[in-house]
Amino acid sequence: AQSHFRQYERISGQIRVNEDAYEEQRQKLGKDFYPGAGDILTTGPVKLSALDKMAADVERQISKRSKFSRRRTYVDDADISYINERNKKFNEKCERFYGSYTEEIRQNLE
């Protein structure tokens, strides 16, 4: 959740507000610029330049995400204590939570 929030902060920090257009729209709408509790909000037509900007940003995010990949480590010398991938994940999880408690028993077996 924290990584999503950091990404949101980074992306929203890059957005620049066109203050001239904002002021122009505020002057044009007057009192209706700030909606009340019973008002229905509509944006109206969207500019093509805004759509192009958004599409370029999404493409940039996709290309950046495709470049990032973490290589999973595989140890050849590790003991094989599993029969399939699902059992391997289960054994890793058990080792992570209970490994410190079963270490002495494992040493006595060897």
PDB file of N, CA and C in Angstrom:
ATOM      1  N   ALA A   1       0.820  -1.185   0.000  1.00  0.00           N
ATOM      2  CA  ALA A   1       0.000   0.000   0.000  1.00  0.00           C
ATOM      3  C   ALA A   1       0.868   1.254   0.000  1.00  0.00           C
ATOM      4  N   GLN A   2       1.984   1.195   0.712  1.00  0.00           N
ATOM      5  CA  GLN A   2       2.860   2.363   0.757  1.00  0.00           C
ATOM      6  C   GLN A   2       3.492   2.639  -0.602  1.00  0.00           C
ATOM      7  N   SER A   3       3.827   1.580  -1.329  1.00  0.00           N
ATOM      8  CA  SER A   3       4.432   1.789  -2.643  1.00  0.00           C
ATOM      9  C   SER A   3       3.429   2.414  -3.613  1.00  0.00           C
ATOM     10  N   HIS A   4       2.152   2.026  -3.485  1.00  0.00           N
ATOM     11  CA  HIS A   4       1.123   2.619  -4.337  1.00  0.00           C
ATOM     12  C   HIS A   4       0.944   4.101  -4.007  1.00  0.00           C
ATOM     13  N   PHE A   5       1.006   4.426  -2.713  1.00  0.00           N
ATOM     14  CA  PHE A   5       0.866   5.822  -2.308  1.00  0.00           C
ATOM     15  C   PHE A   5       2.053   6.639  -2.808  1.00  0.00           C
ATOM     16  N   ARG A   6       3.264   6.074  -2.703  1.00  0.00           N
ATOM     17  CA  ARG A   6       4.452   6.782  -3.203  1.00  0.00           C
ATOM     18  C   ARG A   6       4.357   7.003  -4.703  1.00  0.00           C
ATOM     19  N   GLN A   7       3.867   5.990  -5.442  1.00  0.00           N
ATOM     20  CA  GLN A   7       3.701   6.141  -6.884  1.00  0.00           C
ATOM     21  C   GLN A   7       2.663   7.216  -7.187  1.00  0.00           C
ATOM     22  N   TYR A   8       1.567   7.226  -6.445  1.00  0.00           N
ATOM     23  CA  TYR A   8       0.533   8.249  -6.641  1.00  0.00           C
ATOM     24  C   TYR A   8       1.110   9.636  -6.374  1.00  0.00           C
ATOM     25  N   GLU A   9       1.863   9.788  -5.301  1.00  0.00           N
ATOM     26  CA  GLU A   9       2.472  11.077  -4.974  1.00  0.00           C
ATOM     27  C   GLU A   9       3.442  11.522  -6.069  1.00  0.00           C
ATOM     28  N   ARG A  10       4.244  10.586  -6.575  1.00  0.00           N
ATOM     29  CA  ARG A  10       5.216  10.926  -7.615  1.00  0.00           C
ATOM     30  C   ARG A  10       4.521  11.348  -8.908  1.00  0.00           C
ATOM     31  N   ILE A  11       3.497  10.600  -9.296  1.00  0.00           N
ATOM     32  CA  ILE A  11       2.792  10.899 -10.548  1.00  0.00           C
ATOM     33  C   ILE A  11       1.991  12.187 -10.422  1.00  0.00           C
ATOM     34  N   SER A  12       1.289  12.352  -9.288  1.00  0.00           N
ATOM     35  CA  SER A  12       0.490  13.558  -9.133  1.00  0.00           C
ATOM     36  C   SER A  12       1.372  14.787  -8.946  1.00  0.00           C
ATOM     37  N   GLY A  13       2.589  14.595  -8.466  1.00  0.00           N
ATOM     38  CA  GLY A  13       3.516  15.715  -8.333  1.00  0.00           C
ATOM     39  C   GLY A  13       4.011  16.217  -9.676  1.00  0.00           C
ATOM     40  N   GLN A  14       3.953  15.365 -10.692  1.00  0.00           N
ATOM     41  CA  GLN A  14       4.421  15.742 -12.025  1.00  0.00           C
ATOM     42  C   GLN A  14       3.361  16.506 -12.815  1.00  0.00           C
ATOM     43  N   ILE A  15       2.115  16.469 -12.351  1.00  0.00           N
ATOM     44  CA  ILE A  15       1.033  17.129 -13.072  1.00  0.00           C
ATOM     45  C   ILE A  15       1.123  18.639 -12.850  1.00  0.00           C
ATOM     46  N   ARG A  16       1.085  19.379 -13.923  1.00  0.00           N
ATOM     47  CA  ARG A  16       1.138  20.836 -13.837  1.00  0.00           C
ATOM     48  C   ARG A  16      -0.241  21.400 -14.156  1.00  0.00           C
ATOM     49  N   VAL A  17      -0.698  22.317 -13.330  1.00  0.00           N
ATOM     50  CA  VAL A  17      -2.006  22.928 -13.504  1.00  0.00           C
ATOM     51  C   VAL A  17      -1.865  24.167 -14.381  1.00  0.00           C
ATOM     52  N   ASN A  18      -2.743  24.294 -15.364  1.00  0.00           N
ATOM     53  CA  ASN A  18      -2.770  25.476 -16.214  1.00  0.00           C
ATOM     54  C   ASN A  18      -3.602  26.535 -15.494  1.00  0.00           C
ATOM     55  N   GLU A  19      -2.923  27.418 -14.789  1.00  0.00           N
ATOM     56  CA  GLU A  19      -3.622  28.386 -13.945  1.00  0.00           C
ATOM     57  C   GLU A  19      -4.437  29.390 -14.760  1.00  0.00           C
ATOM     58  N   ASP A  20      -3.970  29.718 -15.959  1.00  0.00           N
ATOM     59  CA  ASP A  20      -4.725  30.657 -16.798  1.00  0.00           C
ATOM     60  C   ASP A  20      -6.076  30.071 -17.198  1.00  0.00           C
ATOM     61  N   ALA A  21      -6.074  28.806 -17.632  1.00  0.00           N
ATOM     62  CA  ALA A  21      -7.324  28.150 -18.019  1.00  0.00           C
ATOM     63  C   ALA A  21      -8.237  27.987 -16.805  1.00  0.00           C
ATOM     64  N   TYR A  22      -7.643  27.706 -15.659  1.00  0.00           N
ATOM     65  CA  TYR A  22      -8.417  27.560 -14.424  1.00  0.00           C
ATOM     66  C   TYR A  22      -9.130  28.867 -14.094  1.00  0.00           C
ATOM     67  N   GLU A  23      -8.391  29.971 -14.117  1.00  0.00           N
ATOM     68  CA  GLU A  23      -8.984  31.281 -13.810  1.00  0.00           C
ATOM     69  C   GLU A  23     -10.049  31.669 -14.829  1.00  0.00           C
ATOM     70  N   GLU A  24      -9.778  31.359 -16.111  1.00  0.00           N
ATOM     71  CA  GLU A  24     -10.744  31.673 -17.175  1.00  0.00           C
ATOM     72  C   GLU A  24     -12.050  30.927 -16.949  1.00  0.00           C
ATOM     73  N   GLN A  25     -11.956  29.650 -16.616  1.00  0.00           N
ATOM     74  CA  GLN A  25     -13.153  28.850 -16.377  1.00  0.00           C
ATOM     75  C   GLN A  25     -13.870  29.329 -15.113  1.00  0.00           C
ATOM     76  N   ARG A  26     -13.122  29.712 -14.099  1.00  0.00           N
ATOM     77  CA  ARG A  26     -13.718  30.194 -12.857  1.00  0.00           C
ATOM     78  C   ARG A  26     -14.481  31.503 -13.088  1.00  0.00           C
ATOM     79  N   GLN A  27     -13.914  32.379 -13.917  1.00  0.00           N
ATOM     80  CA  GLN A  27     -14.576  33.642 -14.232  1.00  0.00           C
ATOM     81  C   GLN A  27     -15.830  33.404 -15.071  1.00  0.00           C
ATOM     82  N   LYS A  28     -15.725  32.452 -16.016  1.00  0.00           N
ATOM     83  CA  LYS A  28     -16.843  32.170 -16.915  1.00  0.00           C
ATOM     84  C   LYS A  28     -18.036  31.568 -16.158  1.00  0.00           C
ATOM     85  N   LEU A  29     -17.757  30.633 -15.245  1.00  0.00           N
ATOM     86  CA  LEU A  29     -18.836  29.957 -14.529  1.00  0.00           C
ATOM     87  C   LEU A  29     -19.356  30.770 -13.349  1.00  0.00           C
ATOM     88  N   GLY A  30     -18.539  31.614 -12.794  1.00  0.00           N
ATOM     89  CA  GLY A  30     -18.985  32.453 -11.680  1.00  0.00           C
ATOM     90  C   GLY A  30     -19.303  31.641 -10.444  1.00  0.00           C
ATOM     91  N   LYS A  31     -20.510  31.800  -9.935  1.00  0.00           N
ATOM     92  CA  LYS A  31     -20.917  31.126  -8.705  1.00  0.00           C
ATOM     93  C   LYS A  31     -21.057  29.611  -8.898  1.00  0.00           C
ATOM     94  N   ASP A  32     -21.355  29.179 -10.123  1.00  0.00           N
ATOM     95  CA  ASP A  32     -21.533  27.745 -10.394  1.00  0.00           C
ATOM     96  C   ASP A  32     -20.213  26.983 -10.450  1.00  0.00           C
ATOM     97  N   PHE A  33     -19.090  27.691 -10.354  1.00  0.00           N
ATOM     98  CA  PHE A  33     -17.781  27.021 -10.398  1.00  0.00           C
ATOM     99  C   PHE A  33     -17.614  26.080  -9.206  1.00  0.00           C
ATOM    100  N   TYR A  34     -18.128  26.478  -8.069  1.00  0.00           N
ATOM    101  CA  TYR A  34     -18.047  25.652  -6.866  1.00  0.00           C
ATOM    102  C   TYR A  34     -19.385  24.946  -6.691  1.00  0.00           C
ATOM    103  N   PRO A  35     -19.425  23.614  -6.895  1.00  0.00           N
ATOM    104  CA  PRO A  35     -20.695  22.890  -6.863  1.00  0.00           C
ATOM    105  C   PRO A  35     -21.263  22.779  -5.449  1.00  0.00           C
ATOM    106  N   GLY A  36     -22.558  22.664  -5.389  1.00  0.00           N
ATOM    107  CA  GLY A  36     -23.245  22.473  -4.117  1.00  0.00           C
ATOM    108  C   GLY A  36     -23.474  20.991  -3.868  1.00  0.00           C
ATOM    109  N   ALA A  37     -24.206  20.692  -2.809  1.00  0.00           N
ATOM    110  CA  ALA A  37     -24.434  19.299  -2.426  1.00  0.00           C
ATOM    111  C   ALA A  37     -25.315  18.565  -3.429  1.00  0.00           C
ATOM    112  N   GLY A  38     -26.271  19.256  -4.076  1.00  0.00           N
ATOM    113  CA  GLY A  38     -27.197  18.591  -4.981  1.00  0.00           C
ATOM    114  C   GLY A  38     -26.809  18.694  -6.443  1.00  0.00           C
ATOM    115  N   ASP A  39     -25.638  19.247  -6.753  1.00  0.00           N
ATOM    116  CA  ASP A  39     -25.237  19.446  -8.146  1.00  0.00           C
ATOM    117  C   ASP A  39     -24.623  18.188  -8.735  1.00  0.00           C
ATOM    118  N   ILE A  40     -24.851  17.997 -10.021  1.00  0.00           N
ATOM    119  CA  ILE A  40     -24.241  16.897 -10.763  1.00  0.00           C
ATOM    120  C   ILE A  40     -23.110  17.491 -11.581  1.00  0.00           C
ATOM    121  N   LEU A  41     -21.922  16.908 -11.424  1.00  0.00           N
ATOM    122  CA  LEU A  41     -20.737  17.443 -12.093  1.00  0.00           C
ATOM    123  C   LEU A  41     -20.550  16.794 -13.457  1.00  0.00           C
ATOM    124  N   THR A  42     -20.309  17.610 -14.466  1.00  0.00           N
ATOM    125  CA  THR A  42     -19.941  17.130 -15.790  1.00  0.00           C
ATOM    126  C   THR A  42     -18.737  17.927 -16.256  1.00  0.00           C
ATOM    127  N   THR A  43     -17.864  17.285 -17.006  1.00  0.00           N
ATOM    128  CA  THR A  43     -16.648  17.964 -17.439  1.00  0.00           C
ATOM    129  C   THR A  43     -16.809  18.604 -18.801  1.00  0.00           C
ATOM    130  N   GLY A  44     -17.708  18.124 -19.595  1.00  0.00           N
ATOM    131  CA  GLY A  44     -17.846  18.646 -20.947  1.00  0.00           C
ATOM    132  C   GLY A  44     -16.838  17.987 -21.875  1.00  0.00           C
ATOM    133  N   PRO A  45     -16.637  18.588 -23.036  1.00  0.00           N
ATOM    134  CA  PRO A  45     -15.707  17.979 -23.992  1.00  0.00           C
ATOM    135  C   PRO A  45     -14.259  18.059 -23.489  1.00  0.00           C
ATOM    136  N   VAL A  46     -13.503  17.007 -23.760  1.00  0.00           N
ATOM    137  CA  VAL A  46     -12.104  16.936 -23.347  1.00  0.00           C
ATOM    138  C   VAL A  46     -11.238  17.313 -24.539  1.00  0.00           C
ATOM    139  N   LYS A  47     -10.229  18.143 -24.288  1.00  0.00           N
ATOM    140  CA  LYS A  47      -9.334  18.568 -25.367  1.00  0.00           C
ATOM    141  C   LYS A  47      -8.476  17.407 -25.831  1.00  0.00           C
ATOM    142  N   LEU A  48      -8.204  17.387 -27.144  1.00  0.00           N
ATOM    143  CA  LEU A  48      -7.370  16.339 -27.707  1.00  0.00           C
ATOM    144  C   LEU A  48      -5.957  16.391 -27.147  1.00  0.00           C
ATOM    145  N   SER A  49      -5.456  17.578 -26.870  1.00  0.00           N
ATOM    146  CA  SER A  49      -4.099  17.701 -26.322  1.00  0.00           C
ATOM    147  C   SER A  49      -4.017  17.065 -24.933  1.00  0.00           C
ATOM    148  N   ALA A  50      -5.092  17.194 -24.143  1.00  0.00           N
ATOM    149  CA  ALA A  50      -5.110  16.581 -22.814  1.00  0.00           C
ATOM    150  C   ALA A  50      -5.132  15.064 -22.926  1.00  0.00           C
ATOM    151  N   LEU A  51      -5.893  14.542 -23.895  1.00  0.00           N
ATOM    152  CA  LEU A  51      -5.923  13.097 -24.111  1.00  0.00           C
ATOM    153  C   LEU A  51      -4.565  12.572 -24.566  1.00  0.00           C
ATOM    154  N   ASP A  52      -3.914  13.308 -25.464  1.00  0.00           N
ATOM    155  CA  ASP A  52      -2.590  12.907 -25.928  1.00  0.00           C
ATOM    156  C   ASP A  52      -1.583  12.909 -24.784  1.00  0.00           C
ATOM    157  N   LYS A  53      -1.681  13.911 -23.921  1.00  0.00           N
ATOM    158  CA  LYS A  53      -0.777  14.009 -22.775  1.00  0.00           C
ATOM    159  C   LYS A  53      -0.982  12.832 -21.829  1.00  0.00           C
ATOM    160  N   MET A  54      -2.246  12.492 -21.576  1.00  0.00           N
ATOM    161  CA  MET A  54      -2.542  11.369 -20.700  1.00  0.00           C
ATOM    162  C   MET A  54      -2.064  10.060 -21.311  1.00  0.00           C
ATOM    163  N   ALA A  55      -2.288   9.872 -22.614  1.00  0.00           N
ATOM    164  CA  ALA A  55      -1.866   8.642 -23.291  1.00  0.00           C
ATOM    165  C   ALA A  55      -0.344   8.508 -23.260  1.00  0.00           C
ATOM    166  N   ALA A  56       0.355   9.610 -23.469  1.00  0.00           N
ATOM    167  CA  ALA A  56       1.820   9.577 -23.423  1.00  0.00           C
ATOM    168  C   ALA A  56       2.310   9.211 -22.030  1.00  0.00           C
ATOM    169  N   ASP A  57       1.638   9.720 -21.016  1.00  0.00           N
ATOM    170  CA  ASP A  57       2.026   9.413 -19.646  1.00  0.00           C
ATOM    171  C   ASP A  57       1.798   7.940 -19.322  1.00  0.00           C
ATOM    172  N   VAL A  58       0.671   7.397 -19.770  1.00  0.00           N
ATOM    173  CA  VAL A  58       0.386   5.978 -19.537  1.00  0.00           C
ATOM    174  C   VAL A  58       1.395   5.107 -20.277  1.00  0.00           C
ATOM    175  N   GLU A  59       1.724   5.471 -21.506  1.00  0.00           N
ATOM    176  CA  GLU A  59       2.735   4.718 -22.263  1.00  0.00           C
ATOM    177  C   GLU A  59       4.084   4.765 -21.561  1.00  0.00           C
ATOM    178  N   ARG A  60       4.436   5.911 -21.002  1.00  0.00           N
ATOM    179  CA  ARG A  60       5.702   6.051 -20.286  1.00  0.00           C
ATOM    180  C   ARG A  60       5.707   5.147 -19.046  1.00  0.00           C
ATOM    181  N   GLN A  61       4.597   5.088 -18.332  1.00  0.00           N
ATOM    182  CA  GLN A  61       4.505   4.223 -17.154  1.00  0.00           C
ATOM    183  C   GLN A  61       4.630   2.749 -17.540  1.00  0.00           C
ATOM    184  N   ILE A  62       3.996   2.371 -18.652  1.00  0.00           N
ATOM    185  CA  ILE A  62       4.048   0.977 -19.100  1.00  0.00           C
ATOM    186  C   ILE A  62       5.464   0.601 -19.496  1.00  0.00           C
ATOM    187  N   SER A  63       6.147   1.482 -20.233  1.00  0.00           N
ATOM    188  CA  SER A  63       7.519   1.172 -20.651  1.00  0.00           C
ATOM    189  C   SER A  63       8.454   1.108 -19.453  1.00  0.00           C
ATOM    190  N   LYS A  64       8.243   1.977 -18.472  1.00  0.00           N
ATOM    191  CA  LYS A  64       9.072   1.956 -17.270  1.00  0.00           C
ATOM    192  C   LYS A  64       8.845   0.681 -16.480  1.00  0.00           C
ATOM    193  N   ARG A  65       7.582   0.248 -16.390  1.00  0.00           N
ATOM    194  CA  ARG A  65       7.253  -0.974 -15.667  1.00  0.00           C
ATOM    195  C   ARG A  65       7.817  -2.207 -16.363  1.00  0.00           C
ATOM    196  N   SER A  66       7.861  -2.187 -17.692  1.00  0.00           N
ATOM    197  CA  SER A  66       8.357  -3.361 -18.415  1.00  0.00           C
ATOM    198  C   SER A  66       9.867  -3.524 -18.265  1.00  0.00           C
ATOM    199  N   LYS A  67      10.568  -2.435 -17.996  1.00  0.00           N
ATOM    200  CA  LYS A  67      12.024  -2.511 -17.817  1.00  0.00           C
ATOM    201  C   LYS A  67      12.394  -3.099 -16.461  1.00  0.00           C
ATOM    202  N   PHE A  68      11.501  -3.016 -15.483  1.00  0.00           N
ATOM    203  CA  PHE A  68      11.796  -3.479 -14.136  1.00  0.00           C
ATOM    204  C   PHE A  68      11.383  -4.924 -13.982  1.00  0.00           C
ATOM    205  N   SER A  69      12.334  -5.757 -13.679  1.00  0.00           N
ATOM    206  CA  SER A  69      12.012  -7.141 -13.349  1.00  0.00           C
ATOM    207  C   SER A  69      13.077  -7.645 -12.382  1.00  0.00           C
ATOM    208  N   ARG A  70      12.630  -8.332 -11.385  1.00  0.00           N
ATOM    209  CA  ARG A  70      13.558  -8.851 -10.389  1.00  0.00           C
ATOM    210  C   ARG A  70      13.884 -10.292 -10.726  1.00  0.00           C
ATOM    211  N   ARG A  71      15.140 -10.590 -10.777  1.00  0.00           N
ATOM    212  CA  ARG A  71      15.584 -11.938 -11.088  1.00  0.00           C
ATOM    213  C   ARG A  71      15.450 -12.802  -9.839  1.00  0.00           C
ATOM    214  N   ARG A  72      14.725 -13.892  -9.933  1.00  0.00           N
ATOM    215  CA  ARG A  72      14.574 -14.798  -8.803  1.00  0.00           C
ATOM    216  C   ARG A  72      15.815 -15.675  -8.688  1.00  0.00           C
ATOM    217  N   THR A  73      16.317 -15.800  -7.477  1.00  0.00           N
ATOM    218  CA  THR A  73      17.527 -16.594  -7.296  1.00  0.00           C
ATOM    219  C   THR A  73      17.161 -18.073  -7.174  1.00  0.00           C
ATOM    220  N   TYR A  74      17.987 -18.899  -7.765  1.00  0.00           N
ATOM    221  CA  TYR A  74      17.807 -20.335  -7.695  1.00  0.00           C
ATOM    222  C   TYR A  74      19.130 -20.933  -7.240  1.00  0.00           C
ATOM    223  N   VAL A  75      19.103 -21.674  -6.145  1.00  0.00           N
ATOM    224  CA  VAL A  75      20.313 -22.246  -5.587  1.00  0.00           C
ATOM    225  C   VAL A  75      20.358 -23.725  -5.951  1.00  0.00           C
ATOM    226  N   ASP A  76      21.391 -24.122  -6.708  1.00  0.00           N
ATOM    227  CA  ASP A  76      21.527 -25.521  -7.120  1.00  0.00           C
ATOM    228  C   ASP A  76      21.869 -26.443  -5.957  1.00  0.00           C
ATOM    229  N   ASP A  77      22.642 -25.945  -4.992  1.00  0.00           N
ATOM    230  CA  ASP A  77      23.120 -26.785  -3.897  1.00  0.00           C
ATOM    231  C   ASP A  77      22.106 -26.955  -2.775  1.00  0.00           C
ATOM    232  N   ALA A  78      20.985 -26.298  -2.846  1.00  0.00           N
ATOM    233  CA  ALA A  78      19.985 -26.389  -1.781  1.00  0.00           C
ATOM    234  C   ALA A  78      19.339 -27.774  -1.768  1.00  0.00           C
ATOM    235  N   ASP A  79      18.973 -28.206  -0.555  1.00  0.00           N
ATOM    236  CA  ASP A  79      18.304 -29.502  -0.424  1.00  0.00           C
ATOM    237  C   ASP A  79      16.927 -29.437  -1.068  1.00  0.00           C
ATOM    238  N   ILE A  80      16.553 -30.501  -1.781  1.00  0.00           N
ATOM    239  CA  ILE A  80      15.242 -30.560  -2.403  1.00  0.00           C
ATOM    240  C   ILE A  80      14.303 -31.260  -1.433  1.00  0.00           C
ATOM    241  N   SER A  81      13.375 -30.503  -0.904  1.00  0.00           N
ATOM    242  CA  SER A  81      12.441 -31.045   0.082  1.00  0.00           C
ATOM    243  C   SER A  81      11.005 -30.835  -0.371  1.00  0.00           C
ATOM    244  N   TYR A  82      10.791 -30.908  -1.670  1.00  0.00           N
ATOM    245  CA  TYR A  82       9.456 -30.644  -2.188  1.00  0.00           C
ATOM    246  C   TYR A  82       9.165 -31.568  -3.365  1.00  0.00           C
ATOM    247  N   ILE A  83       7.876 -31.724  -3.672  1.00  0.00           N
ATOM    248  CA  ILE A  83       7.485 -32.605  -4.771  1.00  0.00           C
ATOM    249  C   ILE A  83       6.957 -31.833  -5.970  1.00  0.00           C
ATOM    250  N   ASN A  84       6.523 -30.578  -5.753  1.00  0.00           N
ATOM    251  CA  ASN A  84       6.076 -29.707  -6.847  1.00  0.00           C
ATOM    252  C   ASN A  84       6.224 -28.247  -6.403  1.00  0.00           C
ATOM    253  N   GLU A  85       5.884 -27.331  -7.278  1.00  0.00           N
ATOM    254  CA  GLU A  85       6.086 -25.902  -6.988  1.00  0.00           C
ATOM    255  C   GLU A  85       5.222 -25.430  -5.821  1.00  0.00           C
ATOM    256  N   ARG A  86       3.997 -25.927  -5.760  1.00  0.00           N
ATOM    257  CA  ARG A  86       3.113 -25.510  -4.671  1.00  0.00           C
ATOM    258  C   ARG A  86       3.654 -25.971  -3.331  1.00  0.00           C
ATOM    259  N   ASN A  87       4.164 -27.199  -3.286  1.00  0.00           N
ATOM    260  CA  ASN A  87       4.750 -27.730  -2.065  1.00  0.00           C
ATOM    261  C   ASN A  87       6.042 -26.992  -1.715  1.00  0.00           C
ATOM    262  N   LYS A  88       6.772 -26.566  -2.729  1.00  0.00           N
ATOM    263  CA  LYS A  88       8.000 -25.799  -2.497  1.00  0.00           C
ATOM    264  C   LYS A  88       7.677 -24.485  -1.803  1.00  0.00           C
ATOM    265  N   LYS A  89       6.649 -23.780  -2.281  1.00  0.00           N
ATOM    266  CA  LYS A  89       6.240 -22.514  -1.660  1.00  0.00           C
ATOM    267  C   LYS A  89       5.774 -22.743  -0.217  1.00  0.00           C
ATOM    268  N   PHE A  90       5.033 -23.826   0.000  1.00  0.00           N
ATOM    269  CA  PHE A  90       4.554 -24.136   1.347  1.00  0.00           C
ATOM    270  C   PHE A  90       5.727 -24.402   2.282  1.00  0.00           C
ATOM    271  N   ASN A  91       6.705 -25.169   1.816  1.00  0.00           N
ATOM    272  CA  ASN A  91       7.883 -25.469   2.628  1.00  0.00           C
ATOM    273  C   ASN A  91       8.692 -24.206   2.929  1.00  0.00           C
ATOM    274  N   GLU A  92       8.807 -23.315   1.949  1.00  0.00           N
ATOM    275  CA  GLU A  92       9.523 -22.050   2.188  1.00  0.00           C
ATOM    276  C   GLU A  92       8.813 -21.219   3.240  1.00  0.00           C
ATOM    277  N   LYS A  93       7.486 -21.196   3.183  1.00  0.00           N
ATOM    278  CA  LYS A  93       6.709 -20.440   4.152  1.00  0.00           C
ATOM    279  C   LYS A  93       6.865 -21.037   5.553  1.00  0.00           C
ATOM    280  N   CYS A  94       6.807 -22.365   5.638  1.00  0.00           N
ATOM    281  CA  CYS A  94       6.995 -23.019   6.936  1.00  0.00           C
ATOM    282  C   CYS A  94       8.399 -22.741   7.475  1.00  0.00           C
ATOM    283  N   GLU A  95       9.391 -22.787   6.616  1.00  0.00           N
ATOM    284  CA  GLU A  95      10.773 -22.516   7.027  1.00  0.00           C
ATOM    285  C   GLU A  95      10.917 -21.082   7.524  1.00  0.00           C
ATOM    286  N   ARG A  96      10.266 -20.167   6.875  1.00  0.00           N
ATOM    287  CA  ARG A  96      10.353 -18.764   7.270  1.00  0.00           C
ATOM    288  C   ARG A  96       9.756 -18.542   8.669  1.00  0.00           C
ATOM    289  N   PHE A  97       8.649 -19.215   8.959  1.00  0.00           N
ATOM    290  CA  PHE A  97       7.971 -18.968  10.236  1.00  0.00           C
ATOM    291  C   PHE A  97       8.463 -19.880  11.362  1.00  0.00           C
ATOM    292  N   TYR A  98       8.803 -21.131  11.036  1.00  0.00           N
ATOM    293  CA  TYR A  98       9.132 -22.095  12.080  1.00  0.00           C
ATOM    294  C   TYR A  98      10.561 -22.603  12.006  1.00  0.00           C
ATOM    295  N   GLY A  99      11.367 -22.084  11.095  1.00  0.00           N
ATOM    296  CA  GLY A  99      12.735 -22.575  10.907  1.00  0.00           C
ATOM    297  C   GLY A  99      13.610 -22.439  12.129  1.00  0.00           C
ATOM    298  N   SER A 100      13.474 -21.351  12.860  1.00  0.00           N
ATOM    299  CA  SER A 100      14.313 -21.147  14.048  1.00  0.00           C
ATOM    300  C   SER A 100      13.972 -22.162  15.139  1.00  0.00           C
ATOM    301  N   TYR A 101      12.731 -22.613  15.194  1.00  0.00           N
ATOM    302  CA  TYR A 101      12.317 -23.567  16.219  1.00  0.00           C
ATOM    303  C   TYR A 101      12.725 -25.000  15.868  1.00  0.00           C
ATOM    304  N   THR A 102      12.817 -25.319  14.606  1.00  0.00           N
ATOM    305  CA  THR A 102      13.111 -26.695  14.189  1.00  0.00           C
ATOM    306  C   THR A 102      14.571 -26.905  13.818  1.00  0.00           C
ATOM    307  N   GLU A 103      15.387 -25.883  13.970  1.00  0.00           N
ATOM    308  CA  GLU A 103      16.799 -25.987  13.558  1.00  0.00           C
ATOM    309  C   GLU A 103      17.534 -27.061  14.359  1.00  0.00           C
ATOM    310  N   GLU A 104      17.317 -27.110  15.666  1.00  0.00           N
ATOM    311  CA  GLU A 104      18.012 -28.090  16.514  1.00  0.00           C
ATOM    312  C   GLU A 104      17.587 -29.513  16.150  1.00  0.00           C
ATOM    313  N   ILE A 105      16.307 -29.713  15.879  1.00  0.00           N
ATOM    314  CA  ILE A 105      15.814 -31.047  15.513  1.00  0.00           C
ATOM    315  C   ILE A 105      16.446 -31.486  14.200  1.00  0.00           C
ATOM    316  N   ARG A 106      16.541 -30.577  13.257  1.00  0.00           N
ATOM    317  CA  ARG A 106      17.145 -30.883  11.943  1.00  0.00           C
ATOM    318  C   ARG A 106      18.620 -31.280  12.111  1.00  0.00           C
ATOM    319  N   GLN A 107      19.325 -30.579  12.971  1.00  0.00           N
ATOM    320  CA  GLN A 107      20.747 -30.884  13.218  1.00  0.00           C
ATOM    321  C   GLN A 107      20.913 -32.252  13.836  1.00  0.00           C
ATOM    322  N   ASN A 108      20.009 -32.633  14.742  1.00  0.00           N
ATOM    323  CA  ASN A 108      20.087 -33.948  15.378  1.00  0.00           C
ATOM    324  C   ASN A 108      19.797 -35.062  14.391  1.00  0.00           C
ATOM    325  N   LEU A 109      18.954 -34.824  13.398  1.00  0.00           N
ATOM    326  CA  LEU A 109      18.631 -35.844  12.393  1.00  0.00           C
ATOM    327  C   LEU A 109      19.805 -36.106  11.471  1.00  0.00           C
ATOM    328  N   GLU A 110      20.599 -35.098  11.220  1.00  0.00           N
ATOM    329  CA  GLU A 110      21.746 -35.259  10.304  1.00  0.00           C
ATOM    330  C   GLU A 110      22.880 -35.838  11.070  1.00  0.00           C
TER     331      GLU A 110
END
